[in-house]
Amino acid sequence: EAQMVESGGGLAQPGGSLRLSCAASGFRFRDWTTNWVRQRAGKGPEGVASIGSVDRSSRIKYADSVKGRFTVSRDIGKNTLQLQMNNLQPEDTAVYYCAQISHDFWGQGLHVTVSS
């Protein structure tokens, strides 16, 4: 059974940085497009970043709201997925999930709070 376990997150001040990590078992990040998805209070899920499978040239996409501030990466050897978040803003406050959408695999979610 596939499992995705996230770590990182927490509290940051505006302009600060946080790094999220997602480790998978029973599933290889290299084989499937995987996503970071966030859900802000009272709002629906929002795709933040995605990284394609190796077969799809590991194509990376970002939501306009995070472009230039967030960086998604993948360590194939360790089978982990990362999201480096810089210049965080209060509107980035949300629960963040790593997800493989087509198989409906989701991490447990991490709270990220950006506040002074």
C-alpha atoms as a PDB file:
ATOM      1  CA  GLU A   1       0.000   0.000   0.000  1.00  0.00           C
ATOM      2  CA  ALA A   2       1.375   3.383  -0.985  1.00  0.00           C
ATOM      3  CA  GLN A   3       2.002   5.923   1.711  1.00  0.00           C
ATOM      4  CA  MET A   4       3.226   9.515   1.596  1.00  0.00           C
ATOM      5  CA  VAL A   5       4.521  11.120   4.784  1.00  0.00           C
ATOM      6  CA  GLU A   6       5.233  14.827   4.977  1.00  0.00           C
ATOM      7  CA  SER A   7       7.554  16.750   7.253  1.00  0.00           C
ATOM      8  CA  GLY A   8       8.428  20.373   7.747  1.00  0.00           C
ATOM      9  CA  GLY A   9       5.993  23.241   7.855  1.00  0.00           C
ATOM     10  CA  GLY A  10       5.211  25.325  10.898  1.00  0.00           C
ATOM     11  CA  LEU A  11       5.348  29.048  11.546  1.00  0.00           C
ATOM     12  CA  ALA A  12       7.231  31.639   9.533  1.00  0.00           C
ATOM     13  CA  GLN A  13       7.292  35.413   9.499  1.00  0.00           C
ATOM     14  CA  PRO A  14       6.401  37.301   6.326  1.00  0.00           C
ATOM     15  CA  GLY A  15       9.410  37.222   4.054  1.00  0.00           C
ATOM     16  CA  GLY A  16      10.683  34.070   5.704  1.00  0.00           C
ATOM     17  CA  SER A  17      11.245  30.581   4.361  1.00  0.00           C
ATOM     18  CA  LEU A  18      10.121  27.053   5.061  1.00  0.00           C
ATOM     19  CA  ARG A  19      10.891  23.732   3.459  1.00  0.00           C
ATOM     20  CA  LEU A  20       8.429  20.876   3.130  1.00  0.00           C
ATOM     21  CA  SER A  21       9.428  17.311   2.421  1.00  0.00           C
ATOM     22  CA  CYS A  22       7.420  14.270   1.400  1.00  0.00           C
ATOM     23  CA  ALA A  23       8.687  10.688   1.608  1.00  0.00           C
ATOM     24  CA  ALA A  24       6.906   7.910  -0.240  1.00  0.00           C
ATOM     25  CA  SER A  25       6.745   4.182   0.185  1.00  0.00           C
ATOM     26  CA  GLY A  26       5.093   1.740  -2.202  1.00  0.00           C
ATOM     27  CA  PHE A  27       5.267   4.382  -4.890  1.00  0.00           C
ATOM     28  CA  ARG A  28       8.084   6.018  -6.836  1.00  0.00           C
ATOM     29  CA  PHE A  29       8.030   9.741  -7.432  1.00  0.00           C
ATOM     30  CA  ARG A  30      10.052   9.271 -10.605  1.00  0.00           C
ATOM     31  CA  ASP A  31       7.238   7.336 -12.262  1.00  0.00           C
ATOM     32  CA  TRP A  32       4.364   9.762 -11.786  1.00  0.00           C
ATOM     33  CA  THR A  33       3.609  13.446 -11.835  1.00  0.00           C
ATOM     34  CA  THR A  34       3.335  14.560  -8.236  1.00  0.00           C
ATOM     35  CA  ASN A  35       1.918  17.724  -6.814  1.00  0.00           C
ATOM     36  CA  TRP A  36       1.980  20.032  -3.882  1.00  0.00           C
ATOM     37  CA  VAL A  37      -1.561  21.144  -3.137  1.00  0.00           C
ATOM     38  CA  ARG A  38      -2.661  23.596  -0.480  1.00  0.00           C
ATOM     39  CA  GLN A  39      -5.958  24.412   1.103  1.00  0.00           C
ATOM     40  CA  ARG A  40      -6.497  27.763   2.749  1.00  0.00           C
ATOM     41  CA  ALA A  41      -9.186  28.175   5.369  1.00  0.00           C
ATOM     42  CA  GLY A  42     -12.603  28.394   3.762  1.00  0.00           C
ATOM     43  CA  LYS A  43     -11.257  27.779   0.268  1.00  0.00           C
ATOM     44  CA  GLY A  44     -10.948  24.805  -2.069  1.00  0.00           C
ATOM     45  CA  PRO A  45      -7.733  22.956  -2.877  1.00  0.00           C
ATOM     46  CA  GLU A  46      -5.205  24.851  -4.958  1.00  0.00           C
ATOM     47  CA  GLY A  47      -2.427  23.217  -6.941  1.00  0.00           C
ATOM     48  CA  VAL A  48       0.793  24.975  -5.982  1.00  0.00           C
ATOM     49  CA  ALA A  49       3.479  23.084  -7.887  1.00  0.00           C
ATOM     50  CA  SER A  50       3.943  19.886  -9.810  1.00  0.00           C
ATOM     51  CA  ILE A  51       6.841  17.902 -11.151  1.00  0.00           C
ATOM     52  CA  GLY A  52       6.406  15.454 -13.980  1.00  0.00           C
ATOM     53  CA  SER A  53       7.655  11.904 -14.206  1.00  0.00           C
ATOM     54  CA  VAL A  54      11.101  11.227 -15.549  1.00  0.00           C
ATOM     55  CA  ASP A  55       9.413   9.947 -18.731  1.00  0.00           C
ATOM     56  CA  ARG A  56       7.801  13.352 -19.100  1.00  0.00           C
ATOM     57  CA  SER A  57      11.116  15.158 -18.709  1.00  0.00           C
ATOM     58  CA  SER A  58      10.316  16.033 -15.092  1.00  0.00           C
ATOM     59  CA  ARG A  59       8.400  19.059 -16.295  1.00  0.00           C
ATOM     60  CA  ILE A  60       7.775  21.552 -13.519  1.00  0.00           C
ATOM     61  CA  LYS A  61       4.795  23.862 -13.205  1.00  0.00           C
ATOM     62  CA  TYR A  62       3.876  26.480 -10.624  1.00  0.00           C
ATOM     63  CA  ALA A  63       0.743  28.373  -9.767  1.00  0.00           C
ATOM     64  CA  ASP A  64       1.073  32.046 -10.646  1.00  0.00           C
ATOM     65  CA  SER A  65       0.633  32.910  -6.976  1.00  0.00           C
ATOM     66  CA  VAL A  66       3.904  31.191  -6.012  1.00  0.00           C
ATOM     67  CA  LYS A  67       6.035  31.564  -9.132  1.00  0.00           C
ATOM     68  CA  GLY A  68       9.462  32.929  -8.314  1.00  0.00           C
ATOM     69  CA  ARG A  69       9.053  32.161  -4.611  1.00  0.00           C
ATOM     70  CA  PHE A  70       8.492  28.397  -4.372  1.00  0.00           C
ATOM     71  CA  THR A  71      10.716  25.664  -5.793  1.00  0.00           C
ATOM     72  CA  VAL A  72       9.694  22.028  -6.163  1.00  0.00           C
ATOM     73  CA  SER A  73      12.356  19.347  -6.382  1.00  0.00           C
ATOM     74  CA  ARG A  74      12.686  15.621  -6.192  1.00  0.00           C
ATOM     75  CA  ASP A  75      15.397  13.278  -4.917  1.00  0.00           C
ATOM     76  CA  ILE A  76      14.983  10.115  -6.925  1.00  0.00           C
ATOM     77  CA  GLY A  77      17.522   8.136  -4.896  1.00  0.00           C
ATOM     78  CA  LYS A  78      15.780   8.898  -1.613  1.00  0.00           C
ATOM     79  CA  ASN A  79      12.310   8.887  -3.200  1.00  0.00           C
ATOM     80  CA  THR A  80      11.420  12.207  -1.645  1.00  0.00           C
ATOM     81  CA  LEU A  81       9.727  15.363  -2.874  1.00  0.00           C
ATOM     82  CA  GLN A  82      10.505  18.834  -1.550  1.00  0.00           C
ATOM     83  CA  LEU A  83       8.922  22.256  -1.656  1.00  0.00           C
ATOM     84  CA  GLN A  84      11.185  25.172  -0.790  1.00  0.00           C
ATOM     85  CA  MET A  85       9.062  28.191   0.051  1.00  0.00           C
ATOM     86  CA  ASN A  86      10.758  31.589   0.152  1.00  0.00           C
ATOM     87  CA  ASN A  87       9.436  35.093   0.693  1.00  0.00           C
ATOM     88  CA  LEU A  88       6.401  33.667   2.405  1.00  0.00           C
ATOM     89  CA  GLN A  89       3.352  35.874   2.730  1.00  0.00           C
ATOM     90  CA  PRO A  90       0.320  35.664   5.031  1.00  0.00           C
ATOM     91  CA  GLU A  91      -1.780  34.472   2.086  1.00  0.00           C
ATOM     92  CA  ASP A  92       0.439  31.374   1.908  1.00  0.00           C
ATOM     93  CA  THR A  93      -1.031  30.223   5.208  1.00  0.00           C
ATOM     94  CA  ALA A  94      -2.659  26.884   4.463  1.00  0.00           C
ATOM     95  CA  VAL A  95      -2.486  23.145   4.917  1.00  0.00           C
ATOM     96  CA  TYR A  96      -0.065  21.743   2.353  1.00  0.00           C
ATOM     97  CA  TYR A  97      -0.312  18.253   0.889  1.00  0.00           C
ATOM     98  CA  CYS A  98       1.915  16.232  -1.387  1.00  0.00           C
ATOM     99  CA  ALA A  99      -0.283  14.253  -3.723  1.00  0.00           C
ATOM    100  CA  GLN A 100      -0.300  11.891  -6.658  1.00  0.00           C
ATOM    101  CA  ILE A 101      -3.647  12.810  -8.083  1.00  0.00           C
ATOM    102  CA  SER A 102      -4.318  10.011 -10.550  1.00  0.00           C
ATOM    103  CA  HIS A 103      -3.872   7.351  -7.852  1.00  0.00           C
ATOM    104  CA  ASP A 104      -5.475   9.540  -5.191  1.00  0.00           C
ATOM    105  CA  PHE A 105      -2.415   9.234  -2.928  1.00  0.00           C
ATOM    106  CA  TRP A 106      -2.138  12.061  -0.418  1.00  0.00           C
ATOM    107  CA  GLY A 107       0.124  12.960   2.436  1.00  0.00           C
ATOM    108  CA  GLN A 108      -1.303  13.719   5.840  1.00  0.00           C
ATOM    109  CA  GLY A 109      -1.053  17.498   5.356  1.00  0.00           C
ATOM    110  CA  LEU A 110       1.179  20.087   6.995  1.00  0.00           C
ATOM    111  CA  HIS A 111       0.093  23.345   8.540  1.00  0.00           C
ATOM    112  CA  VAL A 112       2.009  26.374   7.331  1.00  0.00           C
ATOM    113  CA  THR A 113       1.298  29.649   9.096  1.00  0.00           C
ATOM    114  CA  VAL A 114       2.808  32.918   7.966  1.00  0.00           C
ATOM    115  CA  SER A 115       2.357  35.629  10.542  1.00  0.00           C
ATOM    116  CA  SER A 116       4.295  38.344  12.297  1.00  0.00           C
END
